[in-house]
Amino acid sequence: MNPMKYLGILAASATALIAVTGCSSGATDTAAPAGSMTATTRPAPATSPAMADGPFGAACSAVPADGEGSFTGMADDPVATAASNNPVLSTLVTAVKKAGLVDTLNSAKDVTVFAPTNDAFAAIPKATLDKVLADKETLTKILTYHVVAGKQAPADLASADLKTLQGGTLSVKGSGESYTVNEAGVVCGNVPTANATVYIIDKVLMPK
């Protein structure tokens, strides 16, 4: 073969190889490595459950939609009066009256009440409940064990040991819209009244 023609073929081959290599290098610079996360595939960072800024919980649906027993109506009245207008809390109201605590609760400044539902009281054997309702001293201890100082917002209850009006301590845990108070669950929480925040619970709390 003519030497000049051979050199020409080599030069053309080298030029083509450079072009191919350049294209391959550009693809490597722009493509994401296998298994890597791009901006569109990277998962969003985990966030804490949103804290409720109003009443929450399954039992809130049992609260009247309007009238004095509604959330709006309760917000205008002191806590014992507000509870008396709520059919979910009628047994509690009876107990508060028997203990002579209506004025104490209504005149209290900024408290939180963990209020057992009628079903919570119904879970106590009738003979035991009747005995407690007839014993003012014992009844007062039990009811004041459900009251703590300050209007406690959901954010305050994430993990708290709260001293009660009775003198004992409640262990409150939870987040978002799920909270427990000792062994009781909050079924309708963050209910405002004129002087208190109410958390309706599914069990009667017993001081130790």
N, C-alpha and C. Protein backbone atom coordinates (compact mmCIF):
# COMPACT_ATOMS: atom_id res chain seq x y z
N MET A 1 0.85 -1.20 0.00
CA MET A 1 0.00 0.00 0.00
C MET A 1 0.88 1.24 0.00
N ASN A 2 0.39 2.25 -0.67
CA ASN A 2 1.10 3.53 -0.70
C ASN A 2 1.24 4.07 0.71
N PRO A 3 2.44 4.43 1.15
CA PRO A 3 2.64 4.90 2.54
C PRO A 3 1.80 6.11 2.87
N MET A 4 1.64 7.01 1.96
CA MET A 4 0.86 8.23 2.23
C MET A 4 -0.60 7.88 2.41
N LYS A 5 -1.08 6.92 1.61
CA LYS A 5 -2.49 6.51 1.73
C LYS A 5 -2.73 5.83 3.08
N TYR A 6 -1.75 5.00 3.55
CA TYR A 6 -1.85 4.31 4.85
C TYR A 6 -1.91 5.29 6.01
N LEU A 7 -1.04 6.34 5.92
CA LEU A 7 -1.06 7.37 6.97
C LEU A 7 -2.38 8.11 7.00
N GLY A 8 -2.96 8.29 5.85
CA GLY A 8 -4.27 8.97 5.80
C GLY A 8 -5.36 8.16 6.46
N ILE A 9 -5.33 6.84 6.29
CA ILE A 9 -6.33 5.97 6.93
C ILE A 9 -6.17 6.01 8.44
N LEU A 10 -4.93 5.97 8.94
CA LEU A 10 -4.68 6.02 10.38
C LEU A 10 -5.19 7.32 10.99
N ALA A 11 -4.95 8.42 10.29
CA ALA A 11 -5.40 9.73 10.79
C ALA A 11 -6.91 9.79 10.89
N ALA A 12 -7.59 9.26 9.88
CA ALA A 12 -9.06 9.26 9.90
C ALA A 12 -9.60 8.41 11.04
N SER A 13 -8.93 7.26 11.29
CA SER A 13 -9.38 6.37 12.37
C SER A 13 -9.20 7.03 13.73
N ALA A 14 -8.09 7.71 13.90
CA ALA A 14 -7.82 8.40 15.17
C ALA A 14 -8.83 9.49 15.42
N THR A 15 -9.20 10.23 14.38
CA THR A 15 -10.19 11.30 14.52
C THR A 15 -11.54 10.74 14.94
N ALA A 16 -11.93 9.63 14.33
CA ALA A 16 -13.22 9.01 14.68
C ALA A 16 -13.22 8.52 16.12
N LEU A 17 -12.06 7.93 16.55
CA LEU A 17 -11.96 7.42 17.93
C LEU A 17 -12.08 8.54 18.94
N ILE A 18 -11.47 9.69 18.65
CA ILE A 18 -11.53 10.85 19.55
C ILE A 18 -12.97 11.33 19.66
N ALA A 19 -13.67 11.36 18.54
CA ALA A 19 -15.06 11.83 18.54
C ALA A 19 -15.94 10.92 19.38
N VAL A 20 -15.76 9.60 19.22
CA VAL A 20 -16.55 8.64 20.00
C VAL A 20 -16.25 8.78 21.48
N THR A 21 -14.97 8.90 21.82
CA THR A 21 -14.56 9.03 23.23
C THR A 21 -15.13 10.29 23.85
N GLY A 22 -15.15 11.38 23.08
CA GLY A 22 -15.70 12.64 23.59
C GLY A 22 -17.17 12.51 23.90
N CYS A 23 -17.93 11.85 23.04
CA CYS A 23 -19.38 11.67 23.29
C CYS A 23 -19.61 10.82 24.52
N SER A 24 -18.78 9.76 24.66
CA SER A 24 -18.94 8.87 25.81
C SER A 24 -18.64 9.60 27.10
N SER A 25 -17.60 10.46 27.09
CA SER A 25 -17.23 11.21 28.28
C SER A 25 -18.32 12.17 28.68
N GLY A 26 -18.96 12.82 27.72
CA GLY A 26 -20.05 13.76 28.02
C GLY A 26 -21.21 13.06 28.67
N ALA A 27 -21.54 11.84 28.22
CA ALA A 27 -22.66 11.10 28.80
C ALA A 27 -22.37 10.73 30.23
N THR A 28 -21.11 10.41 30.49
CA THR A 28 -20.74 10.02 31.86
C THR A 28 -20.88 11.20 32.81
N ASP A 29 -20.59 12.41 32.35
CA ASP A 29 -20.65 13.59 33.20
C ASP A 29 -22.07 13.94 33.58
N THR A 30 -23.05 13.64 32.72
CA THR A 30 -24.42 14.09 32.97
C THR A 30 -25.32 13.01 33.55
N ALA A 31 -25.00 11.74 33.35
CA ALA A 31 -25.87 10.68 33.83
C ALA A 31 -25.60 10.38 35.29
N ALA A 32 -26.67 10.09 36.07
CA ALA A 32 -26.49 9.73 37.48
C ALA A 32 -26.04 8.31 37.58
N PRO A 33 -25.13 8.00 38.49
CA PRO A 33 -24.68 6.62 38.68
C PRO A 33 -25.86 5.73 39.02
N ALA A 34 -25.76 4.45 38.64
CA ALA A 34 -26.84 3.51 38.93
C ALA A 34 -27.09 3.45 40.42
N GLY A 35 -28.37 3.49 40.80
CA GLY A 35 -28.74 3.39 42.20
C GLY A 35 -28.67 4.68 42.97
N SER A 36 -28.23 5.78 42.35
CA SER A 36 -28.14 7.05 43.06
C SER A 36 -29.48 7.75 43.07
N MET A 37 -29.69 8.75 44.01
CA MET A 37 -30.93 9.51 44.12
C MET A 37 -30.76 10.86 43.47
N THR A 38 -31.65 11.18 42.58
CA THR A 38 -31.65 12.51 41.99
C THR A 38 -32.58 13.39 42.81
N ALA A 39 -32.65 14.66 42.45
CA ALA A 39 -33.50 15.60 43.19
C ALA A 39 -34.95 15.19 43.13
N THR A 40 -35.35 14.51 42.04
CA THR A 40 -36.75 14.15 41.89
C THR A 40 -37.09 12.84 42.57
N THR A 41 -36.07 12.00 42.88
CA THR A 41 -36.36 10.71 43.50
C THR A 41 -36.04 10.68 44.98
N ARG A 42 -35.33 11.68 45.49
CA ARG A 42 -34.95 11.69 46.90
C ARG A 42 -36.18 11.86 47.77
N PRO A 43 -36.41 10.95 48.76
CA PRO A 43 -37.61 11.06 49.60
C PRO A 43 -37.60 12.31 50.44
N ALA A 44 -38.78 12.84 50.72
CA ALA A 44 -38.89 14.02 51.57
C ALA A 44 -38.49 13.68 52.98
N PRO A 45 -37.88 14.60 53.71
CA PRO A 45 -37.48 14.31 55.09
C PRO A 45 -38.69 14.05 55.96
N ALA A 46 -38.51 13.16 56.92
CA ALA A 46 -39.63 12.83 57.81
C ALA A 46 -39.99 14.04 58.66
N THR A 47 -41.26 14.20 58.94
CA THR A 47 -41.72 15.31 59.77
C THR A 47 -42.51 14.77 60.93
N SER A 48 -42.57 15.52 61.99
CA SER A 48 -43.35 15.12 63.16
C SER A 48 -44.83 15.30 62.86
N PRO A 49 -45.71 14.51 63.51
CA PRO A 49 -47.13 14.68 63.29
C PRO A 49 -47.57 16.10 63.62
N ALA A 50 -48.45 16.63 62.83
CA ALA A 50 -48.92 18.00 63.04
C ALA A 50 -49.70 18.09 64.34
N MET A 51 -49.46 19.12 65.10
CA MET A 51 -50.19 19.33 66.33
C MET A 51 -51.56 19.94 66.03
N ALA A 52 -52.58 19.45 66.72
CA ALA A 52 -53.92 19.97 66.49
C ALA A 52 -54.05 21.37 67.06
N ASP A 53 -54.75 22.24 66.34
CA ASP A 53 -54.99 23.59 66.84
C ASP A 53 -56.46 23.80 67.18
N GLY A 54 -57.22 22.74 67.22
CA GLY A 54 -58.64 22.79 67.59
C GLY A 54 -59.03 21.44 68.17
N PRO A 55 -60.31 21.26 68.53
CA PRO A 55 -60.74 19.96 69.06
C PRO A 55 -60.46 18.83 68.09
N PHE A 56 -60.04 17.68 68.61
CA PHE A 56 -59.73 16.53 67.77
C PHE A 56 -60.13 15.24 68.46
N GLY A 57 -60.36 14.19 67.69
CA GLY A 57 -60.64 12.88 68.26
C GLY A 57 -61.97 12.32 67.80
N ALA A 58 -62.07 10.99 67.82
CA ALA A 58 -63.26 10.30 67.32
C ALA A 58 -64.54 10.69 68.07
N ALA A 59 -64.44 10.88 69.38
CA ALA A 59 -65.63 11.18 70.18
C ALA A 59 -66.12 12.61 70.01
N CYS A 60 -65.36 13.44 69.33
CA CYS A 60 -65.80 14.82 69.11
C CYS A 60 -67.09 14.87 68.29
N SER A 61 -67.34 13.80 67.51
CA SER A 61 -68.55 13.78 66.69
C SER A 61 -69.82 13.67 67.54
N ALA A 62 -69.67 13.24 68.82
CA ALA A 62 -70.82 13.13 69.71
C ALA A 62 -71.18 14.46 70.37
N VAL A 63 -70.32 15.43 70.24
CA VAL A 63 -70.58 16.76 70.80
C VAL A 63 -71.58 17.47 69.90
N PRO A 64 -72.60 18.10 70.48
CA PRO A 64 -73.61 18.80 69.65
C PRO A 64 -72.97 19.80 68.69
N ALA A 65 -73.57 19.91 67.52
CA ALA A 65 -73.03 20.81 66.50
C ALA A 65 -73.31 22.27 66.82
N ASP A 66 -74.37 22.52 67.58
CA ASP A 66 -74.68 23.91 67.94
C ASP A 66 -75.32 23.95 69.32
N GLY A 67 -75.57 25.14 69.81
CA GLY A 67 -76.16 25.30 71.14
C GLY A 67 -75.11 25.40 72.23
N GLU A 68 -75.56 25.45 73.48
CA GLU A 68 -74.65 25.63 74.61
C GLU A 68 -73.67 24.47 74.79
N GLY A 69 -74.07 23.27 74.33
CA GLY A 69 -73.21 22.10 74.49
C GLY A 69 -72.24 21.91 73.35
N SER A 70 -72.28 22.76 72.34
CA SER A 70 -71.35 22.67 71.22
C SER A 70 -69.99 23.23 71.62
N PHE A 71 -69.00 23.04 70.77
CA PHE A 71 -67.67 23.58 71.07
C PHE A 71 -67.72 25.11 71.19
N THR A 72 -68.49 25.73 70.34
CA THR A 72 -68.61 27.20 70.40
C THR A 72 -69.28 27.63 71.69
N GLY A 73 -70.36 26.91 72.06
CA GLY A 73 -71.07 27.24 73.29
C GLY A 73 -70.23 27.00 74.52
N MET A 74 -69.48 25.90 74.55
CA MET A 74 -68.63 25.59 75.70
C MET A 74 -67.53 26.62 75.89
N ALA A 75 -67.05 27.17 74.80
CA ALA A 75 -65.95 28.15 74.88
C ALA A 75 -66.35 29.41 75.63
N ASP A 76 -67.64 29.67 75.72
CA ASP A 76 -68.12 30.89 76.38
C ASP A 76 -68.34 30.72 77.88
N ASP A 77 -68.39 29.47 78.35
CA ASP A 77 -68.75 29.20 79.75
C ASP A 77 -67.56 28.66 80.54
N PRO A 78 -67.55 28.89 81.87
CA PRO A 78 -66.52 28.25 82.71
C PRO A 78 -66.72 26.74 82.67
N VAL A 79 -65.68 25.99 83.03
CA VAL A 79 -65.61 24.58 82.70
C VAL A 79 -66.75 23.72 83.26
N ALA A 80 -67.14 23.90 84.52
CA ALA A 80 -68.21 23.07 85.07
C ALA A 80 -69.55 23.34 84.37
N THR A 81 -69.81 24.60 84.09
CA THR A 81 -71.03 24.96 83.37
C THR A 81 -70.98 24.43 81.95
N ALA A 82 -69.83 24.57 81.30
CA ALA A 82 -69.68 24.07 79.94
C ALA A 82 -69.91 22.56 79.88
N ALA A 83 -69.38 21.82 80.84
CA ALA A 83 -69.56 20.38 80.87
C ALA A 83 -71.02 20.00 81.09
N SER A 84 -71.73 20.80 81.89
CA SER A 84 -73.13 20.49 82.18
C SER A 84 -74.02 20.59 80.94
N ASN A 85 -73.55 21.31 79.95
CA ASN A 85 -74.31 21.45 78.70
C ASN A 85 -73.92 20.41 77.65
N ASN A 86 -72.96 19.57 77.98
CA ASN A 86 -72.47 18.57 77.04
C ASN A 86 -73.00 17.19 77.44
N PRO A 87 -73.85 16.56 76.62
CA PRO A 87 -74.44 15.27 77.00
C PRO A 87 -73.42 14.15 77.16
N VAL A 88 -72.25 14.29 76.61
CA VAL A 88 -71.20 13.26 76.72
C VAL A 88 -70.65 13.20 78.15
N LEU A 89 -70.85 14.28 78.93
CA LEU A 89 -70.22 14.40 80.25
C LEU A 89 -71.23 14.48 81.39
N SER A 90 -72.43 13.98 81.19
CA SER A 90 -73.47 14.16 82.20
C SER A 90 -73.16 13.44 83.52
N THR A 91 -72.55 12.26 83.46
CA THR A 91 -72.22 11.54 84.71
C THR A 91 -71.12 12.29 85.47
N LEU A 92 -70.16 12.81 84.75
CA LEU A 92 -69.11 13.62 85.39
C LEU A 92 -69.71 14.82 86.09
N VAL A 93 -70.64 15.47 85.43
CA VAL A 93 -71.28 16.66 86.02
C VAL A 93 -72.02 16.28 87.31
N THR A 94 -72.69 15.13 87.30
CA THR A 94 -73.38 14.66 88.51
C THR A 94 -72.37 14.47 89.65
N ALA A 95 -71.22 13.88 89.32
CA ALA A 95 -70.19 13.65 90.33
C ALA A 95 -69.63 14.96 90.86
N VAL A 96 -69.41 15.93 89.96
CA VAL A 96 -68.88 17.24 90.37
C VAL A 96 -69.86 17.93 91.32
N LYS A 97 -71.14 17.84 91.03
CA LYS A 97 -72.15 18.45 91.90
C LYS A 97 -72.18 17.78 93.27
N LYS A 98 -72.10 16.44 93.29
CA LYS A 98 -72.14 15.71 94.56
C LYS A 98 -70.91 16.04 95.42
N ALA A 99 -69.79 16.32 94.76
CA ALA A 99 -68.57 16.65 95.50
C ALA A 99 -68.53 18.12 95.89
N GLY A 100 -69.47 18.92 95.42
CA GLY A 100 -69.48 20.35 95.73
C GLY A 100 -68.36 21.12 95.05
N LEU A 101 -67.99 20.68 93.84
CA LEU A 101 -66.84 21.29 93.17
C LEU A 101 -67.22 22.23 92.02
N VAL A 102 -68.50 22.50 91.83
CA VAL A 102 -68.92 23.35 90.71
C VAL A 102 -68.28 24.73 90.81
N ASP A 103 -68.42 25.37 91.95
CA ASP A 103 -67.86 26.72 92.11
C ASP A 103 -66.33 26.70 92.06
N THR A 104 -65.72 25.65 92.62
CA THR A 104 -64.26 25.54 92.61
C THR A 104 -63.73 25.50 91.18
N LEU A 105 -64.36 24.69 90.35
CA LEU A 105 -63.90 24.56 88.97
C LEU A 105 -64.25 25.80 88.14
N ASN A 106 -65.43 26.34 88.35
CA ASN A 106 -65.84 27.50 87.57
C ASN A 106 -65.00 28.75 87.89
N SER A 107 -64.52 28.83 89.11
CA SER A 107 -63.74 30.02 89.51
C SER A 107 -62.24 29.82 89.34
N ALA A 108 -61.80 28.60 89.00
CA ALA A 108 -60.38 28.34 88.81
C ALA A 108 -59.86 29.13 87.61
N LYS A 109 -58.62 29.56 87.70
CA LYS A 109 -58.01 30.34 86.63
C LYS A 109 -57.06 29.47 85.82
N ASP A 110 -57.38 29.31 84.55
CA ASP A 110 -56.51 28.59 83.61
C ASP A 110 -56.11 27.20 84.13
N VAL A 111 -57.00 26.24 83.92
CA VAL A 111 -56.73 24.85 84.30
C VAL A 111 -56.99 23.95 83.10
N THR A 112 -56.55 22.71 83.24
CA THR A 112 -56.86 21.67 82.25
C THR A 112 -57.60 20.56 82.97
N VAL A 113 -58.70 20.12 82.38
CA VAL A 113 -59.52 19.06 82.97
C VAL A 113 -59.53 17.85 82.04
N PHE A 114 -59.16 16.71 82.58
CA PHE A 114 -59.28 15.45 81.86
C PHE A 114 -60.62 14.83 82.26
N ALA A 115 -61.57 14.90 81.36
CA ALA A 115 -62.97 14.62 81.68
C ALA A 115 -63.42 13.25 81.18
N PRO A 116 -63.71 12.31 82.09
CA PRO A 116 -64.17 10.98 81.66
C PRO A 116 -65.57 11.04 81.04
N THR A 117 -65.78 10.25 80.02
CA THR A 117 -67.09 10.17 79.37
C THR A 117 -68.07 9.40 80.25
N ASN A 118 -69.33 9.45 79.85
CA ASN A 118 -70.35 8.65 80.53
C ASN A 118 -69.99 7.16 80.48
N ASP A 119 -69.49 6.70 79.32
CA ASP A 119 -69.10 5.29 79.18
C ASP A 119 -67.96 4.92 80.11
N ALA A 120 -67.07 5.87 80.38
CA ALA A 120 -65.96 5.60 81.30
C ALA A 120 -66.49 5.33 82.70
N PHE A 121 -67.46 6.12 83.12
CA PHE A 121 -68.08 5.88 84.44
C PHE A 121 -68.90 4.60 84.43
N ALA A 122 -69.55 4.29 83.30
CA ALA A 122 -70.38 3.09 83.21
C ALA A 122 -69.54 1.82 83.30
N ALA A 123 -68.25 1.91 83.00
CA ALA A 123 -67.37 0.75 83.07
C ALA A 123 -67.05 0.37 84.51
N ILE A 124 -67.31 1.27 85.45
CA ILE A 124 -67.09 0.98 86.87
C ILE A 124 -68.31 0.21 87.38
N PRO A 125 -68.11 -0.90 88.10
CA PRO A 125 -69.27 -1.63 88.64
C PRO A 125 -70.20 -0.70 89.39
N LYS A 126 -71.50 -0.86 89.18
CA LYS A 126 -72.49 0.07 89.72
C LYS A 126 -72.38 0.21 91.24
N ALA A 127 -72.19 -0.89 91.93
CA ALA A 127 -72.09 -0.84 93.40
C ALA A 127 -70.89 0.02 93.83
N THR A 128 -69.78 -0.13 93.12
CA THR A 128 -68.59 0.65 93.43
C THR A 128 -68.81 2.12 93.14
N LEU A 129 -69.41 2.40 91.97
CA LEU A 129 -69.66 3.80 91.59
C LEU A 129 -70.62 4.47 92.57
N ASP A 130 -71.67 3.76 92.94
CA ASP A 130 -72.63 4.33 93.89
C ASP A 130 -71.98 4.64 95.23
N LYS A 131 -71.07 3.76 95.65
CA LYS A 131 -70.37 3.95 96.92
C LYS A 131 -69.48 5.19 96.85
N VAL A 132 -68.79 5.35 95.72
CA VAL A 132 -67.90 6.50 95.56
C VAL A 132 -68.71 7.79 95.51
N LEU A 133 -69.81 7.79 94.77
CA LEU A 133 -70.65 8.98 94.65
C LEU A 133 -71.23 9.41 96.00
N ALA A 134 -71.37 8.45 96.90
CA ALA A 134 -71.92 8.76 98.23
C ALA A 134 -70.85 9.17 99.23
N ASP A 135 -69.58 9.04 98.84
CA ASP A 135 -68.47 9.36 99.73
C ASP A 135 -67.80 10.64 99.21
N LYS A 136 -68.19 11.77 99.78
CA LYS A 136 -67.73 13.07 99.27
C LYS A 136 -66.22 13.21 99.30
N GLU A 137 -65.57 12.74 100.35
CA GLU A 137 -64.12 12.89 100.47
C GLU A 137 -63.39 12.10 99.37
N THR A 138 -63.80 10.84 99.20
CA THR A 138 -63.17 10.02 98.15
C THR A 138 -63.47 10.57 96.77
N LEU A 139 -64.71 10.97 96.57
CA LEU A 139 -65.12 11.52 95.27
C LEU A 139 -64.32 12.78 94.93
N THR A 140 -64.10 13.62 95.92
CA THR A 140 -63.34 14.86 95.70
C THR A 140 -61.90 14.55 95.30
N LYS A 141 -61.30 13.55 95.96
CA LYS A 141 -59.93 13.17 95.61
C LYS A 141 -59.85 12.67 94.17
N ILE A 142 -60.83 11.86 93.78
CA ILE A 142 -60.82 11.32 92.42
C ILE A 142 -61.00 12.43 91.39
N LEU A 143 -61.97 13.30 91.61
CA LEU A 143 -62.26 14.35 90.63
C LEU A 143 -61.12 15.36 90.52
N THR A 144 -60.53 15.75 91.65
CA THR A 144 -59.44 16.72 91.59
C THR A 144 -58.16 16.12 91.03
N TYR A 145 -58.11 14.78 90.97
CA TYR A 145 -56.98 14.10 90.32
C TYR A 145 -57.04 14.29 88.80
N HIS A 146 -58.18 14.72 88.29
CA HIS A 146 -58.36 14.93 86.86
C HIS A 146 -58.10 16.37 86.43
N VAL A 147 -57.63 17.21 87.37
CA VAL A 147 -57.46 18.63 87.08
C VAL A 147 -55.99 19.03 87.31
N VAL A 148 -55.41 19.74 86.34
CA VAL A 148 -54.04 20.24 86.48
C VAL A 148 -54.01 21.73 86.17
N ALA A 149 -52.99 22.41 86.66
CA ALA A 149 -52.86 23.85 86.45
C ALA A 149 -52.46 24.17 85.01
N GLY A 150 -52.94 25.30 84.52
CA GLY A 150 -52.58 25.78 83.20
C GLY A 150 -53.44 25.19 82.10
N LYS A 151 -53.64 25.96 81.05
CA LYS A 151 -54.34 25.46 79.87
C LYS A 151 -53.32 24.72 79.01
N GLN A 152 -53.30 23.41 79.13
CA GLN A 152 -52.30 22.59 78.46
C GLN A 152 -52.69 22.36 76.99
N ALA A 153 -51.87 22.86 76.08
CA ALA A 153 -52.09 22.64 74.65
C ALA A 153 -51.56 21.26 74.28
N PRO A 154 -52.00 20.70 73.15
CA PRO A 154 -51.48 19.40 72.73
C PRO A 154 -49.95 19.34 72.70
N ALA A 155 -49.31 20.42 72.26
CA ALA A 155 -47.85 20.44 72.20
C ALA A 155 -47.21 20.28 73.57
N ASP A 156 -47.94 20.63 74.64
CA ASP A 156 -47.41 20.52 76.00
C ASP A 156 -47.50 19.10 76.54
N LEU A 157 -48.23 18.23 75.82
CA LEU A 157 -48.52 16.91 76.35
C LEU A 157 -47.71 15.80 75.70
N ALA A 158 -46.71 16.14 74.89
CA ALA A 158 -45.93 15.13 74.18
C ALA A 158 -45.33 14.11 75.14
N SER A 159 -44.83 14.59 76.24
CA SER A 159 -44.30 13.72 77.29
C SER A 159 -44.20 14.56 78.55
N ALA A 160 -45.21 14.42 79.41
CA ALA A 160 -45.26 15.31 80.57
C ALA A 160 -45.77 14.58 81.80
N ASP A 161 -45.22 14.93 82.93
CA ASP A 161 -45.73 14.50 84.23
C ASP A 161 -46.36 15.74 84.86
N LEU A 162 -47.67 15.72 85.00
CA LEU A 162 -48.40 16.90 85.45
C LEU A 162 -48.94 16.70 86.86
N LYS A 163 -48.65 17.67 87.72
CA LYS A 163 -49.14 17.60 89.09
C LYS A 163 -50.61 18.01 89.11
N THR A 164 -51.42 17.24 89.78
CA THR A 164 -52.87 17.48 89.80
C THR A 164 -53.28 18.31 91.00
N LEU A 165 -54.51 18.80 90.96
CA LEU A 165 -55.07 19.55 92.07
C LEU A 165 -55.16 18.68 93.32
N GLN A 166 -55.31 17.37 93.13
CA GLN A 166 -55.39 16.43 94.25
C GLN A 166 -54.03 16.24 94.91
N GLY A 167 -52.94 16.50 94.15
CA GLY A 167 -51.60 16.35 94.69
C GLY A 167 -50.80 15.25 94.04
N GLY A 168 -51.48 14.37 93.32
CA GLY A 168 -50.79 13.29 92.62
C GLY A 168 -50.25 13.77 91.27
N THR A 169 -49.76 12.82 90.48
CA THR A 169 -49.16 13.14 89.19
C THR A 169 -49.79 12.31 88.08
N LEU A 170 -50.04 12.96 86.96
CA LEU A 170 -50.53 12.27 85.76
C LEU A 170 -49.40 12.16 84.76
N SER A 171 -49.28 10.99 84.14
CA SER A 171 -48.28 10.79 83.08
C SER A 171 -48.99 10.88 81.74
N VAL A 172 -48.63 11.91 80.98
CA VAL A 172 -49.28 12.14 79.69
C VAL A 172 -48.26 11.95 78.58
N LYS A 173 -48.64 11.20 77.55
CA LYS A 173 -47.74 10.94 76.42
C LYS A 173 -48.52 11.00 75.12
N GLY A 174 -47.81 11.29 74.03
CA GLY A 174 -48.44 11.26 72.73
C GLY A 174 -47.93 12.32 71.80
N SER A 175 -48.57 12.43 70.64
CA SER A 175 -48.23 13.44 69.66
C SER A 175 -49.37 13.56 68.66
N GLY A 176 -49.33 14.64 67.89
CA GLY A 176 -50.36 14.83 66.87
C GLY A 176 -51.75 14.87 67.48
N GLU A 177 -52.55 13.83 67.20
CA GLU A 177 -53.90 13.75 67.75
C GLU A 177 -54.10 12.45 68.54
N SER A 178 -53.01 11.89 69.05
CA SER A 178 -53.08 10.64 69.80
C SER A 178 -52.35 10.80 71.13
N TYR A 179 -53.11 10.74 72.24
CA TYR A 179 -52.53 10.95 73.57
C TYR A 179 -53.11 9.96 74.57
N THR A 180 -52.30 9.63 75.57
CA THR A 180 -52.77 8.84 76.70
C THR A 180 -52.51 9.61 77.99
N VAL A 181 -53.39 9.40 78.95
CA VAL A 181 -53.26 10.00 80.27
C VAL A 181 -53.30 8.85 81.26
N ASN A 182 -52.16 8.52 81.85
CA ASN A 182 -52.04 7.26 82.59
C ASN A 182 -52.49 6.13 81.67
N GLU A 183 -53.53 5.40 82.07
CA GLU A 183 -54.00 4.29 81.24
C GLU A 183 -55.18 4.67 80.35
N ALA A 184 -55.60 5.92 80.39
CA ALA A 184 -56.75 6.37 79.60
C ALA A 184 -56.31 6.97 78.27
N GLY A 185 -57.19 6.87 77.29
CA GLY A 185 -56.93 7.49 76.00
C GLY A 185 -57.76 8.75 75.82
N VAL A 186 -57.20 9.74 75.16
CA VAL A 186 -57.95 10.96 74.85
C VAL A 186 -58.82 10.68 73.62
N VAL A 187 -60.13 10.84 73.78
CA VAL A 187 -61.06 10.56 72.67
C VAL A 187 -61.60 11.83 72.03
N CYS A 188 -61.46 12.94 72.71
CA CYS A 188 -61.81 14.24 72.14
C CYS A 188 -61.01 15.29 72.92
N GLY A 189 -59.99 15.83 72.29
CA GLY A 189 -59.09 16.70 73.03
C GLY A 189 -59.07 18.14 72.57
N ASN A 190 -58.43 18.96 73.40
CA ASN A 190 -58.21 20.37 73.10
C ASN A 190 -59.52 21.14 72.95
N VAL A 191 -60.45 20.87 73.85
CA VAL A 191 -61.75 21.54 73.84
C VAL A 191 -61.67 22.79 74.73
N PRO A 192 -61.90 23.96 74.18
CA PRO A 192 -61.76 25.18 74.98
C PRO A 192 -63.02 25.51 75.77
N THR A 193 -62.84 25.99 77.00
CA THR A 193 -63.91 26.62 77.75
C THR A 193 -63.37 27.98 78.21
N ALA A 194 -64.20 28.75 78.89
CA ALA A 194 -63.78 30.10 79.26
C ALA A 194 -62.55 30.11 80.16
N ASN A 195 -62.41 29.12 81.03
CA ASN A 195 -61.28 29.13 81.96
C ASN A 195 -60.45 27.84 81.94
N ALA A 196 -60.73 26.96 80.98
CA ALA A 196 -60.03 25.68 80.99
C ALA A 196 -59.92 25.10 79.59
N THR A 197 -58.98 24.16 79.46
CA THR A 197 -58.91 23.31 78.27
C THR A 197 -59.32 21.91 78.72
N VAL A 198 -60.20 21.29 77.96
CA VAL A 198 -60.75 19.98 78.34
C VAL A 198 -60.26 18.90 77.38
N TYR A 199 -59.84 17.78 77.95
CA TYR A 199 -59.51 16.58 77.18
C TYR A 199 -60.46 15.48 77.66
N ILE A 200 -61.35 15.05 76.80
CA ILE A 200 -62.32 14.02 77.16
C ILE A 200 -61.62 12.66 77.03
N ILE A 201 -61.69 11.84 78.08
CA ILE A 201 -60.95 10.57 78.12
C ILE A 201 -61.90 9.39 78.31
N ASP A 202 -61.37 8.18 78.01
CA ASP A 202 -62.24 7.00 77.99
C ASP A 202 -62.18 6.15 79.27
N LYS A 203 -61.47 6.64 80.29
CA LYS A 203 -61.44 5.92 81.57
C LYS A 203 -61.41 6.92 82.72
N VAL A 204 -61.93 6.50 83.86
CA VAL A 204 -61.85 7.30 85.07
C VAL A 204 -60.48 7.05 85.69
N LEU A 205 -59.75 8.12 85.98
CA LEU A 205 -58.41 7.99 86.55
C LEU A 205 -58.50 7.85 88.07
N MET A 206 -57.75 6.93 88.61
CA MET A 206 -57.77 6.70 90.05
C MET A 206 -56.43 7.10 90.67
N PRO A 207 -56.44 8.01 91.64
CA PRO A 207 -55.17 8.38 92.31
C PRO A 207 -54.62 7.21 93.09
N LYS A 208 -53.30 7.16 93.17
CA LYS A 208 -52.64 6.07 93.91
C LYS A 208 -52.42 6.47 95.36
